[in-house]
């Protein structure tokens, strides 16, 4: 992901960008309709007195009433939005705030009411009456009335949308849907051609390599990497670039970010001047984002589940919803190629990437949930059921081994915490079904 792409994504996820565009559209619409009114004259309005019969004073009064009511409703909507963000942060997790801020219906509704206010102000200043030379832009005034009528429906829609968006099932489903989009976009991800075993041996045959350390220019989370830029740099310098940190990792200014080494007879040596170019390929921010970080999507669902399992809330149903969604996402991952960390161009190894493997995704999804399940039978049952769903989607030995490890850990935790024989038997029955799926 380049810096321009990162900037565009940040812009789209802000609360002000879409409303600003809508305000600009309102200004253009007001200017266009007033200009059209001035061009076609006003004789035709006399044939439709019910629609265009308002004089200068009536038009001013109506637009003034619309403008004042719209800015009042806009303030109410901003207050409701901030209240919703605070509730989501406290009840679920603050990591979901970005999802709500980038929610397009919220942005459009905010922009709609502010745009009507600006539109009415722009039209009001063109109305003249009496000695000034009468001019009433009838089309523009009628359009303002139409926007006011539509705003009633928009307000009802917004209240319904807010009430629906903070329900646990919808919050979890939305986070899972965003993560699924990221998974579909990222896997498989290639930086060129996948390196073959022979090409890996060619890199190993070079012997001990003098890797040049590339340090980070700033502190923060790696939210994006421009793979094409790294590949182009490696090809131009006849070098190999090795990423030292994966997407979502935290780096400190001055710490190791990547390493580079040139092949024998390289076109030019890798030196300190290369650090700036490699740093530009990394996007570093204050918080993780979903755009290239699939693990962050799993982290969001895990955080919601952990909040639900906390003693102060103790909401097992919400935690079960999170486990079900995590199982669906991992089942999707189980059927995908997570990519080869070694990439080549024209048969030559160029980039060695850092990629989370399937076992690390499993650990991210289930380790903390299992550790916080305590004596909750439903959590262990849903956890084993989710693992069984994932096991049915893959036949890869490495994936199945990671699933077996998670199954054994879940059974051990259940045996430690659940002492009632009736409940313990249910866990063991679910475990046996999971092992049957793994051994199939």
Protein backbone atom coordinates (compact mmCIF):
# COMPACT_ATOMS: atom_id res chain seq x y z
CA UNK A 1 0.00 0.00 0.00
CA UNK A 2 1.53 3.31 -1.09
CA UNK A 3 1.34 6.51 0.92
CA UNK A 4 -1.22 7.92 -1.51
CA UNK A 5 -3.45 4.88 -1.00
CA UNK A 6 -3.01 5.18 2.76
CA UNK A 7 -3.95 8.87 2.61
CA UNK A 8 -7.04 8.09 0.52
CA UNK A 9 -8.17 5.34 2.92
CA UNK A 10 -7.72 7.65 5.92
CA UNK A 11 -9.69 10.34 4.10
CA UNK A 12 -12.57 7.98 3.34
CA UNK A 13 -12.74 6.81 6.95
CA UNK A 14 -13.03 10.34 8.35
CA UNK A 15 -16.32 11.88 9.46
CA UNK A 16 -15.76 15.15 7.58
CA UNK A 17 -14.75 14.15 4.06
CA UNK A 18 -18.10 13.00 2.62
CA UNK A 19 -20.08 15.80 4.35
CA UNK A 20 -17.61 18.33 2.90
CA UNK A 21 -18.18 16.97 -0.60
CA UNK A 22 -21.94 17.15 -0.08
CA UNK A 23 -21.70 20.77 1.11
CA UNK A 24 -19.72 21.61 -2.01
CA UNK A 25 -22.40 19.88 -4.12
CA UNK A 26 -25.08 21.94 -2.33
CA UNK A 27 -23.26 25.18 -3.17
CA UNK A 28 -23.01 24.16 -6.84
CA UNK A 29 -26.68 23.11 -6.92
CA UNK A 30 -27.79 26.44 -5.45
CA UNK A 31 -25.72 28.41 -7.95
CA UNK A 32 -26.94 26.31 -10.89
CA UNK A 33 -30.63 26.52 -10.02
CA UNK A 34 -30.52 30.26 -9.33
CA UNK A 35 -28.70 30.80 -12.61
CA UNK A 36 -31.30 28.64 -14.39
CA UNK A 37 -34.13 30.67 -12.80
CA UNK A 38 -32.52 33.88 -13.96
CA UNK A 39 -32.13 32.53 -17.49
CA UNK A 40 -35.65 31.22 -18.11
CA UNK A 41 -37.57 34.05 -16.41
CA UNK A 42 -40.59 33.84 -14.11
CA UNK A 43 -43.64 34.01 -16.35
CA UNK A 44 -44.07 30.25 -16.33
CA UNK A 45 -44.39 30.18 -12.50
CA UNK A 46 -47.73 32.01 -12.73
CA UNK A 47 -49.24 28.93 -14.33
CA UNK A 48 -48.47 26.88 -11.21
CA UNK A 49 -49.36 29.15 -8.27
CA UNK A 50 -49.64 26.29 -5.78
CA UNK A 51 -46.01 25.28 -6.35
CA UNK A 52 -44.34 28.59 -7.16
CA UNK A 53 -46.74 31.20 -5.77
CA UNK A 54 -44.59 32.42 -2.85
CA UNK A 55 -43.36 35.98 -3.06
CA UNK A 56 -40.05 37.32 -1.84
CA UNK A 57 -41.13 37.49 1.80
CA UNK A 58 -42.73 34.02 1.72
CA UNK A 59 -39.64 32.48 0.08
CA UNK A 60 -37.34 34.09 2.65
CA UNK A 61 -39.49 32.91 5.53
CA UNK A 62 -39.66 29.33 4.26
CA UNK A 63 -35.93 29.04 3.53
CA UNK A 64 -35.07 30.63 6.88
CA UNK A 65 -37.28 28.10 8.69
CA UNK A 66 -35.73 25.21 6.76
CA UNK A 67 -32.17 26.41 7.38
CA UNK A 68 -32.68 26.87 11.13
CA UNK A 69 -34.37 23.48 11.54
CA UNK A 70 -31.69 21.70 9.49
CA UNK A 71 -28.80 23.06 11.54
CA UNK A 72 -30.65 22.06 14.72
CA UNK A 73 -31.19 18.52 13.45
CA UNK A 74 -27.55 18.37 12.27
CA UNK A 75 -26.43 19.19 15.82
CA UNK A 76 -28.69 16.45 17.15
CA UNK A 77 -27.24 13.94 14.69
CA UNK A 78 -23.66 14.81 15.63
CA UNK A 79 -24.56 14.38 19.30
CA UNK A 80 -26.16 10.99 18.64
CA UNK A 81 -23.13 9.89 16.64
CA UNK A 82 -20.68 10.86 19.37
CA UNK A 83 -22.87 9.17 21.97
CA UNK A 84 -22.93 6.00 19.86
CA UNK A 85 -19.14 6.05 19.46
CA UNK A 86 -18.72 6.38 23.22
CA UNK A 87 -21.13 3.50 23.86
CA UNK A 88 -19.43 1.23 21.33
CA UNK A 89 -16.04 2.02 22.82
CA UNK A 90 -17.14 1.21 26.38
CA UNK A 91 -19.41 -1.75 25.66
CA UNK A 92 -17.40 -3.51 22.94
CA UNK A 93 -13.93 -2.17 22.15
CA UNK A 94 -12.39 1.12 21.08
CA UNK A 95 -10.83 -0.65 18.10
CA UNK A 96 -14.26 -0.61 16.44
CA UNK A 97 -14.46 3.18 16.34
CA UNK A 98 -12.80 3.35 12.94
CA UNK A 99 -15.45 1.00 11.52
CA UNK A 100 -18.22 3.29 12.74
CA UNK A 101 -16.48 6.43 11.53
CA UNK A 102 -16.10 5.00 8.03
CA UNK A 103 -19.76 3.87 7.99
CA UNK A 104 -21.09 5.48 4.82
CA UNK A 105 -24.75 5.95 5.92
CA UNK A 106 -23.61 7.96 8.95
CA UNK A 107 -21.42 10.19 6.80
CA UNK A 108 -24.15 10.74 4.19
CA UNK A 109 -26.83 11.63 6.74
CA UNK A 110 -24.56 14.14 8.46
CA UNK A 111 -23.62 15.69 5.15
CA UNK A 112 -27.25 15.78 3.97
CA UNK A 113 -28.54 18.01 6.77
CA UNK A 114 -25.54 20.34 6.73
CA UNK A 115 -25.83 20.57 2.94
CA UNK A 116 -29.49 21.65 3.13
CA UNK A 117 -28.52 24.38 5.60
CA UNK A 118 -25.80 25.67 3.27
CA UNK A 119 -28.10 25.38 0.25
CA UNK A 120 -30.79 27.51 1.92
CA UNK A 121 -28.24 30.17 2.88
CA UNK A 122 -26.95 30.36 -0.68
CA UNK A 123 -30.44 30.75 -2.15
CA UNK A 124 -31.58 33.22 0.53
CA UNK A 125 -28.94 35.76 -0.42
CA UNK A 126 -30.26 35.93 -4.01
CA UNK A 127 -33.91 36.73 -3.17
CA UNK A 128 -34.82 40.38 -3.78
CA UNK A 129 -38.09 42.22 -3.43
CA UNK A 130 -39.59 45.71 -3.48
CA UNK A 131 -37.35 48.58 -4.61
CA UNK A 132 -34.40 46.23 -5.13
CA UNK A 133 -36.02 44.71 -8.21
CA UNK A 134 -38.08 41.63 -7.53
CA UNK A 135 -36.31 38.30 -8.02
CA UNK A 136 -37.45 35.04 -6.53
CA UNK A 137 -35.64 31.90 -7.80
CA UNK A 138 -38.75 29.74 -7.81
CA UNK A 139 -37.00 26.54 -8.90
CA UNK A 140 -34.32 26.90 -6.24
CA UNK A 141 -36.90 27.63 -3.53
CA UNK A 142 -39.05 24.65 -4.57
CA UNK A 143 -35.99 22.39 -4.56
CA UNK A 144 -35.18 23.54 -1.03
CA UNK A 145 -38.69 22.57 0.04
CA UNK A 146 -38.24 19.16 -1.57
CA UNK A 147 -34.96 18.63 0.29
CA UNK A 148 -36.70 19.52 3.56
CA UNK A 149 -39.36 16.87 2.92
CA UNK A 150 -36.73 14.26 2.08
CA UNK A 151 -34.85 15.13 5.28
CA UNK A 152 -37.75 13.77 7.34
CA UNK A 153 -37.17 10.33 5.82
CA UNK A 154 -33.42 10.69 6.30
CA UNK A 155 -33.88 11.44 9.99
CA UNK A 156 -36.08 8.38 10.49
CA UNK A 157 -33.56 6.25 8.59
CA UNK A 158 -30.69 7.57 10.71
CA UNK A 159 -32.42 6.76 13.99
CA UNK A 160 -33.19 3.24 12.74
CA UNK A 161 -29.61 2.80 11.50
CA UNK A 162 -28.07 3.93 14.80
CA UNK A 163 -30.38 1.70 16.85
CA UNK A 164 -29.58 -1.26 14.60
CA UNK A 165 -25.83 -0.66 14.35
CA UNK A 166 -25.17 -0.89 18.11
CA UNK A 167 -26.83 -4.30 18.52
CA UNK A 168 -24.25 -6.93 19.43
CA UNK A 169 -25.05 -9.23 16.52
CA UNK A 170 -24.77 -6.40 13.99
CA UNK A 171 -21.58 -5.00 15.53
CA UNK A 172 -19.91 -8.43 15.44
CA UNK A 173 -21.30 -9.21 11.98
CA UNK A 174 -20.02 -5.89 10.63
CA UNK A 175 -16.53 -6.46 12.03
CA UNK A 176 -16.50 -9.98 10.59
CA UNK A 177 -17.67 -8.74 7.18
CA UNK A 178 -14.88 -6.14 7.07
CA UNK A 179 -12.34 -8.81 8.01
CA UNK A 180 -13.65 -11.17 5.35
CA UNK A 181 -13.20 -8.47 2.71
CA UNK A 182 -9.61 -8.05 3.84
CA UNK A 183 -8.96 -11.81 3.74
CA UNK A 184 -10.38 -12.06 0.22
CA UNK A 185 -8.16 -9.18 -0.86
CA UNK A 186 -4.95 -10.34 0.77
CA UNK A 187 -4.83 -14.07 0.09
CA UNK A 188 -3.18 -15.10 -2.04
CA UNK A 189 -0.87 -12.09 -2.13
CA UNK A 190 2.23 -12.14 -4.32
CA UNK A 191 5.11 -9.73 -4.69
CA UNK A 192 6.03 -11.17 -8.05
CA UNK A 193 6.44 -14.81 -8.93
CA UNK A 194 6.52 -17.38 -6.15
CA UNK A 195 10.06 -18.63 -5.58
CA UNK A 196 10.63 -22.28 -6.34
CA UNK A 197 12.66 -24.60 -4.06
CA UNK A 198 15.56 -24.34 -6.50
CA UNK A 199 15.57 -20.55 -6.22
CA UNK A 200 15.61 -20.82 -2.42
CA UNK A 201 18.66 -23.09 -2.73
CA UNK A 202 20.32 -20.52 -5.00
CA UNK A 203 19.93 -17.92 -2.25
CA UNK A 204 21.32 -20.33 0.34
CA UNK A 205 24.31 -21.18 -1.89
CA UNK A 206 25.54 -17.60 -1.64
CA UNK A 207 26.78 -18.44 1.84
CA UNK A 208 26.92 -15.96 4.74
CA UNK A 209 25.46 -12.64 3.57
CA UNK A 210 26.37 -9.20 4.86
CA UNK A 211 22.86 -7.87 5.48
CA UNK A 212 22.64 -4.08 5.62
CA UNK A 213 20.25 -3.00 8.43
CA UNK A 214 17.54 -0.51 7.50
CA UNK A 215 16.19 1.30 10.56
CA UNK A 216 12.76 2.88 10.97
CA UNK A 217 12.39 6.65 10.61
CA UNK A 218 9.42 6.84 13.00
CA UNK A 219 7.65 4.89 15.72
CA UNK A 220 4.25 3.28 15.29
CA UNK A 221 2.36 0.33 13.86
CA UNK A 222 3.07 -0.95 10.38
CA UNK A 223 -0.31 -0.46 8.69
CA UNK A 224 0.76 -1.00 5.09
CA UNK A 225 3.67 -2.04 2.89
CA UNK A 226 4.09 -1.04 -0.74
CA UNK A 227 5.19 -4.42 -2.08
CA UNK A 228 5.68 -3.13 -5.61
CA UNK A 229 8.08 -0.44 -4.37
CA UNK A 230 10.18 -2.99 -2.46
CA UNK A 231 10.24 -5.31 -5.45
CA UNK A 232 11.25 -2.47 -7.78
CA UNK A 233 14.04 -1.41 -5.41
CA UNK A 234 15.38 -4.96 -5.17
CA UNK A 235 15.37 -5.37 -8.95
CA UNK A 236 17.06 -2.02 -9.62
CA UNK A 237 19.83 -2.64 -7.10
CA UNK A 238 20.14 -6.37 -7.86
CA UNK A 239 19.54 -7.01 -4.17
CA UNK A 240 17.41 -9.00 -1.77
CA UNK A 241 15.14 -7.20 0.70
CA UNK A 242 14.13 -9.02 3.88
CA UNK A 243 11.25 -7.67 5.93
CA UNK A 244 11.98 -7.89 9.64
CA UNK A 245 8.44 -7.11 10.79
CA UNK A 246 5.01 -8.14 9.55
CA UNK A 247 1.97 -5.95 8.99
CA UNK A 248 0.50 -4.91 12.34
CA UNK A 249 3.82 -5.03 14.22
CA UNK A 250 5.01 -2.11 16.31
CA UNK A 251 8.37 -0.58 15.43
CA UNK A 252 10.39 2.01 17.33
CA UNK A 253 12.26 4.83 15.66
CA UNK A 254 15.84 3.71 15.10
CA UNK A 255 15.05 0.01 15.44
CA UNK A 256 15.52 -2.57 12.69
CA UNK A 257 12.78 -2.32 10.05
CA UNK A 258 14.19 -4.35 7.16
CA UNK A 259 17.48 -5.73 5.84
CA UNK A 260 18.99 -5.67 2.37
CA UNK A 261 21.91 -7.40 0.70
CA UNK A 262 23.22 -7.20 -2.86
CA UNK A 263 24.02 -10.12 -5.10
CA UNK A 264 27.57 -10.51 -6.42
CA UNK A 265 28.21 -8.16 -9.37
CA UNK A 266 25.28 -5.98 -8.31
CA UNK A 267 24.44 -2.94 -10.40
CA UNK A 268 24.97 -0.70 -7.38
CA UNK A 269 25.64 -1.32 -3.72
CA UNK A 270 23.00 -1.15 -1.05
CA UNK A 271 23.97 1.69 1.25
CA UNK A 272 22.58 4.27 3.60
CA UNK A 273 20.87 6.08 0.73
CA UNK A 274 18.62 3.04 0.35
CA UNK A 275 17.13 3.47 3.82
CA UNK A 276 14.96 6.41 2.80
CA UNK A 277 13.51 4.57 -0.18
CA UNK A 278 12.72 1.44 1.83
CA UNK A 279 11.18 3.51 4.62
CA UNK A 280 8.88 5.16 2.09
CA UNK A 281 7.54 1.72 1.19
CA UNK A 282 6.27 1.32 4.76
CA UNK A 283 3.19 3.11 6.07
CA UNK A 284 3.42 3.60 9.84
CA UNK A 285 0.53 4.91 11.92
CA UNK A 286 -0.67 5.31 15.48
CA UNK A 287 -3.08 2.38 15.30
CA UNK A 288 -3.55 -0.83 13.35
CA UNK A 289 -6.01 -0.85 10.46
CA UNK A 290 -7.83 -3.54 8.52
CA UNK A 291 -6.68 -2.50 5.07
CA UNK A 292 -3.72 -4.90 4.93
CA UNK A 293 -3.84 -6.42 8.41
CA UNK A 294 -6.15 -9.45 8.59
CA UNK A 295 -4.97 -10.22 12.11
CA UNK A 296 -6.40 -6.92 13.30
CA UNK A 297 -9.86 -8.00 12.19
CA UNK A 298 -9.55 -11.16 14.28
CA UNK A 299 -8.24 -9.02 17.14
CA UNK A 300 -11.38 -6.88 17.07
CA UNK A 301 -13.65 -9.90 17.46
CA UNK A 302 -11.44 -11.32 20.20
CA UNK A 303 -11.58 -8.04 22.12
CA UNK A 304 -15.39 -8.02 21.95
CA UNK A 305 -15.43 -11.60 23.22
CA UNK A 306 -13.04 -10.82 26.07
CA UNK A 307 -15.11 -7.80 27.11
CA UNK A 308 -18.22 -10.02 27.10
CA UNK A 309 -16.48 -12.64 29.26
CA UNK A 310 -15.25 -10.12 31.82
CA UNK A 311 -16.78 -10.50 35.31
CA UNK A 312 -18.40 -7.08 35.12
CA UNK A 313 -20.41 -7.97 32.00
CA UNK A 314 -20.55 -11.79 31.87
CA UNK A 315 -22.37 -11.90 28.52
CA UNK A 316 -21.86 -15.44 27.26
CA UNK A 317 -24.16 -15.02 24.26
CA UNK A 318 -22.04 -12.19 22.82
CA UNK A 319 -18.86 -14.21 23.37
CA UNK A 320 -20.44 -17.18 21.56
CA UNK A 321 -21.31 -14.90 18.61
CA UNK A 322 -17.65 -13.84 18.43
CA UNK A 323 -16.42 -17.45 18.47
CA UNK A 324 -18.83 -18.38 15.69
CA UNK A 325 -17.60 -15.51 13.52
CA UNK A 326 -13.98 -16.33 14.27
CA UNK A 327 -14.62 -19.92 13.23
CA UNK A 328 -16.12 -18.74 9.92
CA UNK A 329 -13.14 -16.50 9.17
CA UNK A 330 -10.61 -19.22 10.02
CA UNK A 331 -12.55 -21.68 7.87
CA UNK A 332 -12.10 -19.19 5.02
CA UNK A 333 -8.37 -18.97 5.76
CA UNK A 334 -8.07 -22.77 5.90
CA UNK A 335 -9.03 -22.98 2.24
CA UNK A 336 -6.67 -20.26 1.07
CA UNK A 337 -3.00 -20.14 0.20
CA UNK A 338 -1.48 -17.75 2.73
CA UNK A 339 1.38 -16.99 0.40
CA UNK A 340 5.04 -17.88 0.13
CA UNK A 341 7.30 -15.54 2.14
CA UNK A 342 10.01 -15.84 -0.52
CA UNK A 343 9.22 -14.02 -3.76
CA UNK A 344 11.17 -13.86 -6.98
CA UNK A 345 11.27 -11.86 -10.19
CA UNK A 346 12.52 -13.54 -13.38
CA UNK A 347 13.71 -16.53 -11.38
CA UNK A 348 15.79 -14.51 -8.90
CA UNK A 349 14.86 -14.15 -5.22
CA UNK A 350 14.12 -10.49 -4.49
CA UNK A 351 11.93 -10.17 -1.39
CA UNK A 352 11.67 -12.21 1.80
CA UNK A 353 8.42 -11.21 3.44
CA UNK A 354 7.15 -11.66 6.97
CA UNK A 355 3.81 -13.46 6.89
CA UNK A 356 1.72 -14.84 9.75
CA UNK A 357 1.06 -18.55 9.29
CA UNK A 358 -2.18 -20.41 9.95
CA UNK A 359 -1.11 -21.43 13.45
CA UNK A 360 -0.54 -17.81 14.45
CA UNK A 361 -3.98 -16.82 13.20
CA UNK A 362 -5.48 -19.66 15.22
CA UNK A 363 -3.61 -18.51 18.31
CA UNK A 364 -4.77 -14.91 17.80
CA UNK A 365 -8.38 -16.03 17.51
CA UNK A 366 -8.67 -18.57 20.32
CA UNK A 367 -5.84 -18.39 22.87
CA UNK A 368 -7.15 -15.50 24.96
CA UNK A 369 -10.78 -16.54 24.61
CA UNK A 370 -9.89 -19.99 25.94
CA UNK A 371 -7.84 -18.53 28.79
CA UNK A 372 -10.76 -16.35 29.89
CA UNK A 373 -13.49 -19.00 29.54
CA UNK A 374 -13.10 -20.08 33.20
CA UNK A 375 -16.02 -22.41 34.05
CA UNK A 376 -18.27 -21.38 31.14
CA UNK A 377 -19.37 -24.60 29.43
CA UNK A 378 -20.90 -22.84 26.41
CA UNK A 379 -17.56 -21.24 25.50
CA UNK A 380 -15.69 -24.55 25.41
CA UNK A 381 -18.43 -26.22 23.39
CA UNK A 382 -18.55 -23.43 20.80
CA UNK A 383 -14.77 -23.27 20.68
CA UNK A 384 -14.48 -26.97 19.86
CA UNK A 385 -17.36 -26.71 17.38
CA UNK A 386 -15.63 -23.80 15.62
CA UNK A 387 -12.39 -25.80 15.41
CA UNK A 388 -14.34 -28.72 13.92
CA UNK A 389 -15.81 -26.41 11.28
CA UNK A 390 -12.31 -25.25 10.36
CA UNK A 391 -10.98 -28.84 10.31
CA UNK A 392 -13.61 -29.82 7.74
CA UNK A 393 -12.26 -27.17 5.36
CA UNK A 394 -8.62 -28.23 5.17
CA UNK A 395 -6.55 -31.34 4.54
CA UNK A 396 -3.13 -29.70 4.91
CA UNK A 397 -1.02 -31.51 7.52
CA UNK A 398 0.41 -28.30 9.01
CA UNK A 399 -3.05 -26.79 9.38
CA UNK A 400 -4.45 -29.94 10.96
CA UNK A 401 -1.55 -30.13 13.38
CA UNK A 402 -2.26 -26.56 14.52
CA UNK A 403 -5.94 -27.48 14.95
CA UNK A 404 -5.02 -30.56 17.02
CA UNK A 405 -2.90 -28.39 19.29
CA UNK A 406 -5.78 -25.96 19.81
CA UNK A 407 -8.18 -28.85 20.47
CA UNK A 408 -5.88 -30.35 23.09
CA UNK A 409 -5.43 -26.98 24.79
CA UNK A 410 -9.20 -26.42 24.89
CA UNK A 411 -9.79 -29.89 26.38
CA UNK A 412 -7.08 -29.37 29.00
CA UNK A 413 -8.56 -26.02 30.02
CA UNK A 414 -12.05 -27.54 30.25
CA UNK A 415 -10.83 -30.48 32.35
CA UNK A 416 -9.14 -28.03 34.70
CA UNK A 417 -12.12 -25.69 35.15
CA UNK A 418 -15.22 -27.86 34.67
CA UNK A 419 -15.73 -30.36 37.46
CA UNK A 420 -19.36 -31.38 36.95
CA UNK A 421 -19.34 -34.82 35.22
CA UNK A 422 -22.42 -34.01 33.11
CA UNK A 423 -20.81 -30.87 31.68
CA UNK A 424 -17.41 -32.51 31.33
CA UNK A 425 -18.92 -35.32 29.24
CA UNK A 426 -20.39 -32.79 26.81
CA UNK A 427 -16.96 -31.25 26.30
CA UNK A 428 -15.36 -34.67 25.72
CA UNK A 429 -18.10 -35.60 23.24
CA UNK A 430 -17.45 -32.42 21.27
CA UNK A 431 -13.71 -33.11 21.42
CA UNK A 432 -14.20 -36.63 20.03
CA UNK A 433 -16.21 -35.24 17.10
CA UNK A 434 -13.40 -32.77 16.42
CA UNK A 435 -10.74 -35.50 16.47
CA UNK A 436 -12.82 -37.56 14.07
CA UNK A 437 -12.90 -34.63 11.67
CA UNK A 438 -9.14 -34.15 12.04
CA UNK A 439 -8.37 -37.84 11.53
CA UNK A 440 -10.69 -38.25 8.55
